C-alpha atoms as a PDB file:
ATOM      1  CA  MET A   1       0.000   0.000   0.000  1.00  0.00           C
ATOM      2  CA  ARG A   2       2.892   2.353   0.782  1.00  0.00           C
ATOM      3  CA  TRP A   3       4.301   1.708  -2.712  1.00  0.00           C
ATOM      4  CA  ALA A   4       0.985   2.654  -4.360  1.00  0.00           C
ATOM      5  CA  ALA A   5       0.669   5.758  -2.208  1.00  0.00           C
ATOM      6  CA  SER A   6       4.081   6.974  -3.364  1.00  0.00           C
ATOM      7  CA  ARG A   7       3.360   6.567  -7.112  1.00  0.00           C
ATOM      8  CA  HIS A   8       2.233   9.392  -9.377  1.00  0.00           C
ATOM      9  CA  PRO A   9       0.077   7.856 -12.108  1.00  0.00           C
ATOM     10  CA  PRO A  10      -1.109   9.786 -15.175  1.00  0.00           C
ATOM     11  CA  ASN A  11      -4.617  10.486 -13.853  1.00  0.00           C
ATOM     12  CA  PRO A  12      -5.788  11.137 -10.264  1.00  0.00           C
ATOM     13  CA  ASP A  13      -8.382   8.341 -10.524  1.00  0.00           C
ATOM     14  CA  ASP A  14      -5.588   5.921 -11.404  1.00  0.00           C
ATOM     15  CA  LYS A  15      -4.078   6.328  -7.952  1.00  0.00           C
ATOM     16  CA  LEU A  16      -7.274   4.964  -6.385  1.00  0.00           C
ATOM     17  CA  VAL A  17      -7.234   1.964  -8.719  1.00  0.00           C
ATOM     18  CA  LEU A  18      -3.526   1.379  -8.055  1.00  0.00           C
ATOM     19  CA  TRP A  19      -4.168   1.592  -4.337  1.00  0.00           C
ATOM     20  CA  ALA A  20      -7.024  -0.910  -4.662  1.00  0.00           C
ATOM     21  CA  LEU A  21      -4.716  -3.303  -6.550  1.00  0.00           C
ATOM     22  CA  ALA A  22      -2.025  -2.913  -3.884  1.00  0.00           C
ATOM     23  CA  ASP A  23      -4.594  -3.603  -1.177  1.00  0.00           C
ATOM     24  CA  ALA A  24      -5.721  -6.743  -3.029  1.00  0.00           C
ATOM     25  CA  CYS A  25      -2.161  -8.109  -3.258  1.00  0.00           C
ATOM     26  CA  ASN A  26      -1.337  -7.273   0.348  1.00  0.00           C
ATOM     27  CA  GLY A  27       0.601 -10.246   1.714  1.00  0.00           C
ATOM     28  CA  ARG A  28       0.673 -12.103  -1.630  1.00  0.00           C
ATOM     29  CA  GLY A  29       3.781 -10.607  -3.178  1.00  0.00           C
ATOM     30  CA  ASP A  30       3.402  -8.464  -6.280  1.00  0.00           C
ATOM     31  CA  THR A  31       0.283  -9.995  -7.872  1.00  0.00           C
ATOM     32  CA  ALA A  32      -3.407  -9.262  -7.370  1.00  0.00           C
ATOM     33  CA  TRP A  33      -6.596 -10.441  -9.010  1.00  0.00           C
ATOM     34  CA  PRO A  34      -9.502  -8.276  -7.891  1.00  0.00           C
ATOM     35  CA  SER A  35     -12.476  -8.157 -10.229  1.00  0.00           C
ATOM     36  CA  VAL A  36     -13.469  -4.910 -11.893  1.00  0.00           C
ATOM     37  CA  ALA A  37     -16.471  -4.914  -9.521  1.00  0.00           C
ATOM     38  CA  ALA A  38     -14.144  -5.184  -6.499  1.00  0.00           C
ATOM     39  CA  LEU A  39     -11.984  -2.336  -7.810  1.00  0.00           C
ATOM     40  CA  SER A  40     -15.144  -0.288  -8.334  1.00  0.00           C
ATOM     41  CA  ASP A  41     -16.340  -1.003  -4.779  1.00  0.00           C
ATOM     42  CA  PHE A  42     -12.957   0.057  -3.352  1.00  0.00           C
ATOM     43  CA  SER A  43     -12.554   3.202  -5.434  1.00  0.00           C
ATOM     44  CA  GLY A  44     -16.120   4.353  -6.036  1.00  0.00           C
ATOM     45  CA  LEU A  45     -15.370   4.613  -9.764  1.00  0.00           C
ATOM     46  CA  ASN A  46     -17.649   3.076 -12.378  1.00  0.00           C
ATOM     47  CA  ARG A  47     -16.732   0.049 -14.514  1.00  0.00           C
ATOM     48  CA  LYS A  48     -15.715   2.070 -17.577  1.00  0.00           C
ATOM     49  CA  MET A  49     -13.483   4.341 -15.494  1.00  0.00           C
ATOM     50  CA  ILE A  50     -11.797   1.290 -13.913  1.00  0.00           C
ATOM     51  CA  ILE A  51     -11.103  -0.296 -17.307  1.00  0.00           C
ATOM     52  CA  ASN A  52      -9.679   2.972 -18.686  1.00  0.00           C
ATOM     53  CA  SER A  53      -7.586   3.449 -15.554  1.00  0.00           C
ATOM     54  CA  LEU A  54      -6.140  -0.081 -15.787  1.00  0.00           C
ATOM     55  CA  ALA A  55      -5.121   0.624 -19.395  1.00  0.00           C
ATOM     56  CA  ARG A  56      -3.388   3.872 -18.366  1.00  0.00           C
ATOM     57  CA  LEU A  57      -1.588   2.111 -15.503  1.00  0.00           C
ATOM     58  CA  VAL A  58      -0.316  -0.531 -17.936  1.00  0.00           C
ATOM     59  CA  ARG A  59       0.917   2.132 -20.351  1.00  0.00           C
ATOM     60  CA  ALA A  60       2.637   3.928 -17.460  1.00  0.00           C
ATOM     61  CA  GLY A  61       4.461   0.731 -16.508  1.00  0.00           C
ATOM     62  CA  LEU A  62       2.943   0.580 -13.034  1.00  0.00           C
ATOM     63  CA  ILE A  63       1.110  -2.714 -13.596  1.00  0.00           C
ATOM     64  CA  ALA A  64       1.214  -5.564 -16.094  1.00  0.00           C
ATOM     65  CA  ASP A  65      -1.263  -8.250 -17.099  1.00  0.00           C
ATOM     66  CA  THR A  66       0.377 -11.593 -16.251  1.00  0.00           C
ATOM     67  CA  GLY A  67      -1.783 -13.410 -18.801  1.00  0.00           C
ATOM     68  CA  ASP A  68      -3.246 -15.583 -16.044  1.00  0.00           C
ATOM     69  CA  ARG A  69      -6.989 -15.626 -15.390  1.00  0.00           C
ATOM     70  CA  VAL A  70      -8.822 -16.726 -12.245  1.00  0.00           C
ATOM     71  CA  GLY A  71     -12.340 -16.842 -10.852  1.00  0.00           C
ATOM     72  CA  LYS A  72     -15.306 -19.098 -11.453  1.00  0.00           C
ATOM     73  CA  THR A  73     -15.431 -18.208 -15.137  1.00  0.00           C
ATOM     74  CA  GLY A  74     -11.679 -17.742 -15.581  1.00  0.00           C
ATOM     75  CA  GLN A  75     -12.087 -14.137 -16.698  1.00  0.00           C
ATOM     76  CA  VAL A  76     -10.556 -12.166 -13.819  1.00  0.00           C
ATOM     77  CA  LYS A  77      -7.122 -10.853 -14.828  1.00  0.00           C
ATOM     78  CA  VAL A  78      -4.110 -11.378 -12.594  1.00  0.00           C
ATOM     79  CA  TRP A  79      -2.094  -8.154 -12.379  1.00  0.00           C
ATOM     80  CA  ARG A  80       1.572  -7.744 -11.434  1.00  0.00           C
ATOM     81  CA  LEU A  81       2.522  -4.499  -9.714  1.00  0.00           C
ATOM     82  CA  ALA A  82       5.876  -2.968 -10.660  1.00  0.00           C
ATOM     83  CA  LEU A  83       7.096  -2.919  -7.065  1.00  0.00           C
ATOM     84  CA  LYS A  84      10.793  -3.204  -7.900  1.00  0.00           C
ATOM     85  CA  ALA A  85      10.904  -1.256 -11.158  1.00  0.00           C
ATOM     86  CA  SER A  86      11.129   2.473 -11.570  1.00  0.00           C
ATOM     87  CA  PRO A  87       8.150   2.956 -13.907  1.00  0.00           C
ATOM     88  CA  ILE A  88       7.288   5.962 -16.012  1.00  0.00           C
ATOM     89  CA  GLY A  89       4.656   7.033 -13.477  1.00  0.00           C
ATOM     90  CA  ASP A  90       7.299   7.777 -10.822  1.00  0.00           C
ATOM     91  CA  ARG A  91       8.557  11.262 -10.113  1.00  0.00           C
END
């Protein structure tokens, strides 16, 4: 959570989504797999805003899609947070 709080993503809403991802991976290393609905519940942002924010965070190098999928339907993306890298979104 401290890592997410110290990042400076491209859009202010992105920080909430990044923080939600960090909260979801708390204690599990650098990966998290919250659903878009869970990210929306945490941040208060709507589904479309979450999806756009995730895309911006990927472009900024703060998160990456691992290619793995989980959940009952196998559609929830597993995200890797760039905890050790110095991504574009840093200042």
